[in-house]
C-alpha atoms as a PDB file:
ATOM      1  CA  MET A   1      16.138  21.113  -2.036  1.00  0.00           C
ATOM      2  CA  ILE A   2      13.945  22.015   0.904  1.00  0.00           C
ATOM      3  CA  ASP A   3      11.508  19.731   2.720  1.00  0.00           C
ATOM      4  CA  ALA A   4       8.470  21.320   1.075  1.00  0.00           C
ATOM      5  CA  GLU A   5       9.861  20.582  -2.398  1.00  0.00           C
ATOM      6  CA  ILE A   6      10.608  16.967  -1.495  1.00  0.00           C
ATOM      7  CA  ARG A   7       7.148  16.543   0.037  1.00  0.00           C
ATOM      8  CA  LYS A   8       5.539  17.977  -3.128  1.00  0.00           C
ATOM      9  CA  ILE A   9       7.485  15.612  -5.408  1.00  0.00           C
ATOM     10  CA  LEU A  10       6.634  12.585  -3.300  1.00  0.00           C
ATOM     11  CA  SER A  11       2.958  13.502  -3.055  1.00  0.00           C
ATOM     12  CA  GLU A  12       2.627  14.004  -6.825  1.00  0.00           C
ATOM     13  CA  THR A  13       4.622  10.975  -7.990  1.00  0.00           C
ATOM     14  CA  ARG A  14       2.476   8.057  -9.133  1.00  0.00           C
ATOM     15  CA  VAL A  15       5.029   5.952 -11.070  1.00  0.00           C
ATOM     16  CA  VAL A  16       8.448   4.798  -9.860  1.00  0.00           C
ATOM     17  CA  ALA A  17      11.096   2.516 -11.317  1.00  0.00           C
ATOM     18  CA  VAL A  18      12.903   0.184  -8.932  1.00  0.00           C
ATOM     19  CA  VAL A  19      16.370  -0.320 -10.419  1.00  0.00           C
ATOM     20  CA  GLY A  20      17.941  -3.576  -9.277  1.00  0.00           C
ATOM     21  CA  TYR A  21      14.574  -5.148  -8.534  1.00  0.00           C
ATOM     22  CA  SER A  22      14.790  -8.738  -7.273  1.00  0.00           C
ATOM     23  CA  ALA A  23      12.111 -11.402  -7.657  1.00  0.00           C
ATOM     24  CA  ASN A  24      13.313 -12.841  -4.328  1.00  0.00           C
ATOM     25  CA  PRO A  25      10.915 -11.590  -1.611  1.00  0.00           C
ATOM     26  CA  ASP A  26      13.754 -11.721   0.943  1.00  0.00           C
ATOM     27  CA  ARG A  27      15.651  -8.965  -0.897  1.00  0.00           C
ATOM     28  CA  PRO A  28      15.181  -5.322   0.084  1.00  0.00           C
ATOM     29  CA  SER A  29      14.483  -4.219  -3.504  1.00  0.00           C
ATOM     30  CA  HIS A  30      11.540  -6.634  -3.719  1.00  0.00           C
ATOM     31  CA  TYR A  31      10.181  -5.480  -0.363  1.00  0.00           C
ATOM     32  CA  VAL A  32      10.467  -1.798  -1.327  1.00  0.00           C
ATOM     33  CA  ALA A  33       8.745  -2.385  -4.674  1.00  0.00           C
ATOM     34  CA  ALA A  34       5.918  -4.367  -3.078  1.00  0.00           C
ATOM     35  CA  PHE A  35       5.497  -1.727  -0.355  1.00  0.00           C
ATOM     36  CA  LEU A  36       5.281   1.123  -2.868  1.00  0.00           C
ATOM     37  CA  LYS A  37       2.781  -0.854  -4.949  1.00  0.00           C
ATOM     38  CA  SER A  38       0.668  -1.486  -1.838  1.00  0.00           C
ATOM     39  CA  ARG A  39       0.590   2.297  -1.338  1.00  0.00           C
ATOM     40  CA  GLY A  40      -0.959   2.805  -4.770  1.00  0.00           C
ATOM     41  CA  LEU A  41       2.079   3.654  -6.854  1.00  0.00           C
ATOM     42  CA  ARG A  42       2.775   2.028 -10.196  1.00  0.00           C
ATOM     43  CA  VAL A  43       6.105   0.231  -9.802  1.00  0.00           C
ATOM     44  CA  ILE A  44       8.194  -0.589 -12.873  1.00  0.00           C
ATOM     45  CA  PRO A  45      10.847  -3.209 -12.056  1.00  0.00           C
ATOM     46  CA  VAL A  46      14.246  -2.818 -13.749  1.00  0.00           C
ATOM     47  CA  ASN A  47      16.674  -5.739 -13.831  1.00  0.00           C
ATOM     48  CA  PRO A  48      18.532  -7.002 -16.934  1.00  0.00           C
ATOM     49  CA  GLY A  49      18.466 -10.593 -15.668  1.00  0.00           C
ATOM     50  CA  LEU A  50      14.668 -10.578 -15.388  1.00  0.00           C
ATOM     51  CA  ALA A  51      13.900  -8.447 -18.473  1.00  0.00           C
ATOM     52  CA  GLY A  52      10.741  -9.509 -20.281  1.00  0.00           C
ATOM     53  CA  GLN A  53       9.220 -11.261 -17.274  1.00  0.00           C
ATOM     54  CA  THR A  54       6.185 -10.016 -15.388  1.00  0.00           C
ATOM     55  CA  GLN A  55       6.700  -9.161 -11.725  1.00  0.00           C
ATOM     56  CA  LEU A  56       4.228  -7.398  -9.436  1.00  0.00           C
ATOM     57  CA  GLY A  57       1.874  -7.152 -12.408  1.00  0.00           C
ATOM     58  CA  GLU A  58       4.352  -5.156 -14.515  1.00  0.00           C
ATOM     59  CA  ARG A  59       6.797  -6.010 -17.278  1.00  0.00           C
ATOM     60  CA  VAL A  60      10.409  -6.033 -16.103  1.00  0.00           C
ATOM     61  CA  TYR A  61      12.770  -3.875 -18.159  1.00  0.00           C
ATOM     62  CA  GLY A  62      16.489  -4.412 -18.573  1.00  0.00           C
ATOM     63  CA  ALA A  63      17.375  -0.729 -18.324  1.00  0.00           C
ATOM     64  CA  LEU A  64      15.717   2.598 -17.566  1.00  0.00           C
ATOM     65  CA  SER A  65      16.215   3.606 -21.192  1.00  0.00           C
ATOM     66  CA  GLU A  66      13.947   0.718 -22.297  1.00  0.00           C
ATOM     67  CA  ILE A  67      10.896   1.973 -20.397  1.00  0.00           C
ATOM     68  CA  PRO A  68       8.458   3.603 -22.818  1.00  0.00           C
ATOM     69  CA  PRO A  69       7.424   7.203 -22.072  1.00  0.00           C
END
């Protein structure tokens, strides 16, 4: 994949899933999710231990396969 392709994907992406999301703000996965959300992306947290909760304004899913299309 060349830089132009990567740049195009990143500029067009509006929804991301953060697998291994942590509700602990000291964890990198929480920081990354919050940062992406602050940049206007919709962030879907994925963590089986937090499934069903609401974090960062979104429902937490237990697995990628549980996220509706």
